[in-house]
Protein backbone atom coordinates (compact mmCIF):
# COMPACT_ATOMS: atom_id res chain seq x y z
CA MET A 1 22.11 12.95 7.58
CA THR A 2 18.60 14.25 7.80
CA ALA A 3 18.09 16.92 10.52
CA PHE A 4 16.05 20.03 11.02
CA ALA A 5 16.59 22.87 13.24
CA ARG A 6 14.91 26.34 13.66
CA GLU A 7 16.05 29.04 16.06
CA ASN A 8 14.16 32.63 16.77
CA SER A 9 15.36 35.71 18.33
CA ASN A 10 14.00 39.10 19.08
CA THR A 11 16.42 41.99 18.83
CA ALA A 12 15.72 45.68 19.64
CA ARG A 13 14.17 46.27 16.28
CA ASP A 14 13.44 42.85 14.27
CA VAL A 15 12.46 39.17 14.69
CA LEU A 16 15.33 36.81 13.31
CA THR A 17 14.37 33.29 12.23
CA ILE A 18 17.24 30.81 11.14
CA GLU A 19 16.26 27.49 9.63
CA LEU A 20 18.68 24.59 8.78
CA ARG A 21 17.88 21.52 6.87
CA THR A 22 20.16 18.61 5.87
CA VAL A 23 19.64 15.59 3.87
CA ASN A 24 22.27 12.87 2.88
CA HIS A 25 24.84 13.73 0.33
CA ARG A 26 28.16 12.37 -0.72
CA TYR A 27 30.09 15.53 0.18
CA LEU A 28 29.16 18.87 2.03
CA ASP A 29 27.28 20.98 -0.09
CA CYS A 30 25.96 24.35 1.60
CA SER A 31 23.11 26.65 0.01
CA PHE A 32 22.35 30.03 1.79
CA LYS A 33 19.25 32.23 1.30
CA LEU A 34 20.00 35.50 3.02
CA PRO A 35 18.55 39.11 2.92
CA ASP A 36 20.56 41.57 1.24
CA SER A 37 21.19 43.28 4.57
CA ILE A 38 23.27 40.35 5.88
CA ARG A 39 24.66 38.92 2.46
CA ALA A 40 28.19 39.97 3.61
CA LEU A 41 28.09 37.38 6.28
CA GLU A 42 27.67 34.25 3.97
CA PRO A 43 31.40 33.43 3.92
CA ARG A 44 31.60 33.21 7.93
CA LEU A 45 28.27 31.14 7.90
CA ARG A 46 29.74 28.79 5.50
CA GLU A 47 32.98 28.61 7.26
CA ARG A 48 31.51 27.98 10.46
CA LEU A 49 29.18 25.18 8.94
CA GLY A 50 32.29 23.35 7.30
CA LYS A 51 33.85 23.27 11.05
CA THR A 52 30.71 21.32 12.49
CA LEU A 53 29.40 19.10 9.38
CA ALA A 54 31.61 16.97 7.09
CA ARG A 55 29.07 15.43 4.79
CA GLY A 56 25.38 16.58 3.80
CA LYS A 57 23.26 19.05 1.68
CA VAL A 58 22.57 21.71 3.75
CA ASP A 59 20.04 24.59 3.27
CA CYS A 60 20.24 27.54 5.42
CA PHE A 61 17.30 30.13 5.52
CA VAL A 62 17.54 33.50 7.25
CA ARG A 63 14.43 35.85 7.73
CA ILE A 64 14.45 39.20 9.17
CA GLN A 65 10.91 40.35 10.08
CA GLN A 66 9.89 43.78 11.51
CA GLY A 67 9.33 43.32 15.34
CA ALA A 68 6.13 44.39 16.98
CA GLU A 69 7.91 46.90 19.18
CA ARG A 70 9.45 48.61 16.23
CA GLY A 71 6.28 50.02 14.73
CA PRO A 72 5.78 52.29 11.78
CA SER A 73 8.20 55.03 13.28
CA LEU A 74 10.03 57.31 10.73
CA SER A 75 13.04 59.60 11.42
CA ILE A 76 12.66 63.23 10.00
CA ASN A 77 15.47 65.04 8.67
CA HIS A 78 14.70 68.69 10.17
CA GLU A 79 17.34 70.40 8.31
CA ASN A 80 16.37 69.11 4.75
CA LEU A 81 12.70 69.90 5.98
CA ASP A 82 13.49 73.47 6.76
CA ALA A 83 15.33 73.90 3.54
CA LEU A 84 12.37 72.36 1.48
CA VAL A 85 9.52 74.40 3.38
CA GLN A 86 11.39 77.51 2.63
CA ALA A 87 12.13 76.85 -0.87
CA SER A 88 8.54 75.74 -1.57
CA ALA A 89 7.30 79.09 -0.05
CA GLU A 90 9.45 80.99 -2.26
CA VAL A 91 8.52 79.19 -5.31
CA ALA A 92 4.76 79.29 -4.33
CA GLU A 93 5.17 82.99 -3.96
CA ALA A 94 7.05 83.46 -7.35
CA MET A 95 4.65 81.47 -9.32
CA ALA A 96 1.36 82.02 -7.47
CA THR A 97 0.62 78.44 -6.78
CA ARG A 98 -0.05 76.49 -3.66
CA GLU A 99 2.45 75.20 -1.29
CA PRO A 100 3.04 71.60 -1.18
CA THR A 101 1.10 69.61 1.37
CA ALA A 102 2.61 67.89 4.20
CA LEU A 103 2.24 64.37 2.53
CA GLU A 104 4.12 65.55 -0.46
CA VAL A 105 6.89 67.15 1.58
CA LEU A 106 7.31 63.63 3.38
CA GLN A 107 7.58 62.04 0.11
CA PHE A 108 10.42 64.41 -1.10
CA PRO A 109 13.96 62.66 -1.06
CA GLY A 110 15.96 63.05 1.90
CA ILE A 111 13.22 64.18 4.28
CA CYS A 112 12.18 61.19 6.32
CA SER A 113 13.54 57.61 6.56
CA PRO A 114 13.21 54.73 8.67
CA PRO A 115 15.35 54.55 11.83
CA GLU A 116 18.82 53.10 10.84
CA GLN A 117 19.76 49.89 12.76
CA SER A 118 23.43 49.32 13.78
CA GLU A 119 24.77 46.85 10.94
CA GLU A 120 27.29 45.68 13.57
CA ALA A 121 24.61 44.75 16.04
CA LEU A 122 22.49 43.05 13.44
CA HIS A 123 25.52 40.94 12.21
CA LYS A 124 26.29 39.87 15.64
CA ALA A 125 22.64 38.78 16.44
CA VAL A 126 22.55 36.69 13.27
CA LEU A 127 25.73 34.93 14.13
CA GLY A 128 24.87 34.17 17.85
CA LEU A 129 21.42 32.69 16.48
CA PHE A 130 23.24 30.67 13.90
CA GLU A 131 25.58 29.19 16.53
CA ASP A 132 22.27 28.26 18.47
CA ALA A 133 20.83 26.75 15.35
CA LEU A 134 23.78 24.66 14.56
CA ALA A 135 24.12 23.50 17.75
CA THR A 136 20.49 22.25 17.76
CA LEU A 137 21.11 20.69 14.26
CA ALA A 138 24.49 18.76 15.50
CA ALA A 139 22.11 17.61 18.50
CA ASN A 140 19.59 16.10 16.24
CA ARG A 141 22.05 14.46 13.75
CA SER A 142 23.89 13.11 16.89
CA ARG A 143 20.35 11.48 18.11
CA GLU A 144 19.68 10.16 14.62
CA GLY A 145 23.32 8.80 14.26
CA GLU A 146 22.78 6.89 17.47
CA LYS A 147 19.73 5.14 16.19
CA LEU A 148 21.55 4.34 12.84
CA SER A 149 24.62 3.08 14.79
CA HIS A 150 22.27 0.61 16.83
CA MET A 151 20.77 -0.56 13.55
CA VAL A 152 23.87 -1.22 11.78
CA GLY A 153 25.11 -2.86 14.86
CA GLU A 154 22.36 -5.26 14.87
CA ARG A 155 22.74 -6.07 11.45
CA ILE A 156 26.26 -6.77 11.53
CA GLY A 157 25.77 -9.07 14.58
CA GLN A 158 23.42 -11.11 12.23
CA VAL A 159 26.13 -11.07 9.55
CA GLU A 160 28.61 -12.50 11.83
CA GLN A 161 25.97 -15.30 12.73
CA GLN A 162 25.51 -16.07 9.24
CA VAL A 163 29.60 -16.37 8.68
CA ALA A 164 29.63 -18.65 11.79
CA SER A 165 26.78 -20.89 10.59
CA THR A 166 28.51 -21.43 7.14
CA ARG A 167 31.79 -22.02 8.67
CA GLN A 168 30.33 -24.88 10.53
CA LEU A 169 28.79 -26.18 7.36
CA VAL A 170 32.02 -26.40 5.23
CA PRO A 171 33.42 -29.47 6.60
CA THR A 172 30.15 -31.33 6.45
CA LEU A 173 29.66 -30.04 2.88
CA GLN A 174 33.21 -30.97 1.66
CA GLN A 175 32.69 -34.53 3.21
CA ARG A 176 29.33 -35.06 1.51
CA GLN A 177 30.77 -33.87 -1.64
CA ARG A 178 33.68 -36.50 -1.69
CA ASP A 179 31.27 -39.19 -0.54
CA LYS A 180 28.88 -38.33 -3.54
CA VAL A 181 31.77 -38.57 -5.90
CA LEU A 182 32.86 -41.91 -4.55
CA ALA A 183 29.16 -43.45 -4.46
CA ARG A 184 29.08 -42.21 -8.21
CA ILE A 185 31.95 -44.05 -9.11
CA LYS A 186 30.99 -47.13 -7.25
CA GLU A 187 27.70 -47.24 -8.82
CA LEU A 188 29.16 -46.90 -12.24
CA ASN A 189 31.42 -50.09 -11.22
CA VAL A 190 34.74 -48.61 -13.13
CA ASP A 191 38.18 -48.94 -12.29
CA VAL A 192 39.92 -45.70 -11.66
CA ASP A 193 43.54 -44.52 -10.87
CA GLN A 194 43.32 -43.92 -6.95
CA GLY A 195 46.24 -41.32 -7.38
CA ARG A 196 44.17 -39.29 -10.08
CA LEU A 197 41.12 -39.84 -7.99
CA GLU A 198 42.61 -38.07 -4.89
CA GLN A 199 43.92 -35.16 -7.19
CA GLU A 200 40.58 -34.63 -8.49
CA LEU A 201 39.05 -34.68 -5.00
CA VAL A 202 41.51 -32.14 -3.63
CA TYR A 203 40.98 -30.10 -6.57
CA MET A 204 37.10 -30.07 -5.97
CA ALA A 205 37.74 -29.25 -2.13
CA GLN A 206 40.00 -26.32 -3.01
CA LYS A 207 37.50 -25.05 -5.46
CA SER A 208 34.91 -25.01 -2.86
CA ASP A 209 37.00 -23.91 -0.20
CA VAL A 210 35.61 -20.54 1.41
CA ASP A 211 37.67 -20.24 4.56
CA GLU A 212 39.43 -17.31 3.14
CA GLU A 213 36.11 -15.53 2.33
CA LEU A 214 34.99 -16.34 5.87
CA ASP A 215 38.16 -14.98 7.39
CA ARG A 216 37.84 -11.71 5.50
CA LEU A 217 34.14 -11.33 6.39
CA ASP A 218 35.04 -11.83 10.09
CA ALA A 219 37.77 -9.26 9.60
CA HIS A 220 35.35 -6.67 7.84
CA VAL A 221 32.72 -7.18 10.74
CA SER A 222 35.52 -6.50 13.33
CA GLU A 223 36.29 -3.35 11.52
CA VAL A 224 32.77 -1.86 11.31
CA ARG A 225 32.33 -2.37 14.84
CA ARG A 226 35.49 -0.65 15.56
CA THR A 227 34.61 2.23 13.17
CA LEU A 228 31.17 2.66 14.98
CA LYS A 229 32.78 2.52 18.50
CA LYS A 230 35.31 5.01 17.45
CA GLY A 231 32.47 7.66 16.49
CA GLY A 232 32.94 10.96 14.49
CA PRO A 233 32.39 11.19 10.79
CA CYS A 234 32.50 7.56 9.50
CA GLY A 235 30.15 7.41 6.77
CA ARG A 236 32.56 6.99 3.74
CA ARG A 237 34.40 4.12 5.72
CA LEU A 238 31.52 2.23 6.40
CA ASP A 239 30.44 2.48 2.76
CA PHE A 240 33.64 1.12 1.69
CA LEU A 241 33.34 -1.64 4.21
CA MET A 242 29.92 -2.60 2.89
CA GLN A 243 31.26 -2.82 -0.65
CA GLU A 244 34.04 -5.28 0.78
CA LEU A 245 31.44 -7.35 2.63
CA ASN A 246 29.20 -7.67 -0.32
CA ARG A 247 32.33 -8.89 -2.69
CA GLU A 248 33.07 -11.38 -0.14
CA ALA A 249 29.17 -12.56 -0.13
CA ASN A 250 29.12 -12.72 -3.99
CA THR A 251 32.22 -14.85 -3.79
CA LEU A 252 30.72 -17.12 -1.18
CA SER A 253 27.65 -17.52 -3.21
CA SER A 254 29.65 -18.43 -6.35
CA LYS A 255 31.46 -21.14 -4.39
CA SER A 256 28.34 -22.63 -2.85
CA THR A 257 27.98 -26.30 -3.46
CA SER A 258 24.66 -26.77 -1.30
CA SER A 259 21.26 -24.93 -0.79
CA ASP A 260 22.20 -24.18 2.68
CA THR A 261 25.38 -22.31 1.88
CA THR A 262 23.35 -20.42 -1.09
CA GLN A 263 20.69 -19.31 1.64
CA ASN A 264 23.14 -18.17 3.79
CA SER A 265 25.04 -16.03 0.99
CA VAL A 266 21.56 -14.45 -0.05
CA GLU A 267 20.83 -13.58 3.69
CA LEU A 268 24.18 -12.00 4.06
CA LYS A 269 23.69 -9.74 0.98
CA VAL A 270 20.20 -8.81 2.25
CA LEU A 271 21.65 -7.66 5.53
CA ILE A 272 24.67 -5.89 3.69
CA GLU A 273 22.26 -3.98 1.61
CA GLN A 274 20.03 -3.06 4.53
CA MET A 275 23.01 -1.35 6.16
CA ARG A 276 24.31 0.26 3.00
CA GLU A 277 21.03 1.83 2.51
CA GLN A 278 21.26 3.49 6.14
CA ILE A 279 24.87 4.17 5.94
CA GLN A 280 24.19 6.68 3.22
CA ASN A 281 22.50 8.79 5.87
CA ILE A 282 25.42 8.75 7.97
CA GLU A 283 27.88 11.45 7.96
């Protein structure tokens, strides 16, 4: 299901930004882009994501930027500095060379470094912000799910109307088919075996009988409604039900004996395809 969430947080030193993006996918596929400083958190983030989402391709981006309050401050190791200054003075005196400048001293390894940040505090801040982003993402997906559920509910209601319309047509069509055969025989003015004629008429009626298909369509419609009402992850089940609905619509079309039932079958398949396309976005 398509959704997006972004959350920001200011720590004592940095600005954290987490973005979550999801699109429809058959299974749950997670991709993380994390700074090296929090790479160790990926298994925990992946586990938390898997407890919230069941389907979808998820991209997670985490950025850590230097905060305005942090500034360019550096921490000087005075012990190393004193040792370096003393050694530089001795070397300069022995070799009759100049002593190093302050900038050269600062560039010497171990003299200065940016202030250290607690790894535990950073990880805690990232995990907390990830929970907020995940909650926002779930809320966005829930709102989209409600819209999709409403759309599928409307289409399934139209499917039910088409099934009911076809059911009303069946007796009339079967009688029309029988009358057509009898009128043709009368027109040809030929003698026929009445017993054999009745057998053929019964066979024709059975061949064009669609009560079983209509009953199954009604059953699938009821199951779609029950699944939508139940809530929770239901995309796979709905996808399967769309396949079953389409199978019955195809059978109905193949048994059609009039343009009316053919048109109903076409309309059924259009409605089913519209639902199927949207159900691909349902978790």
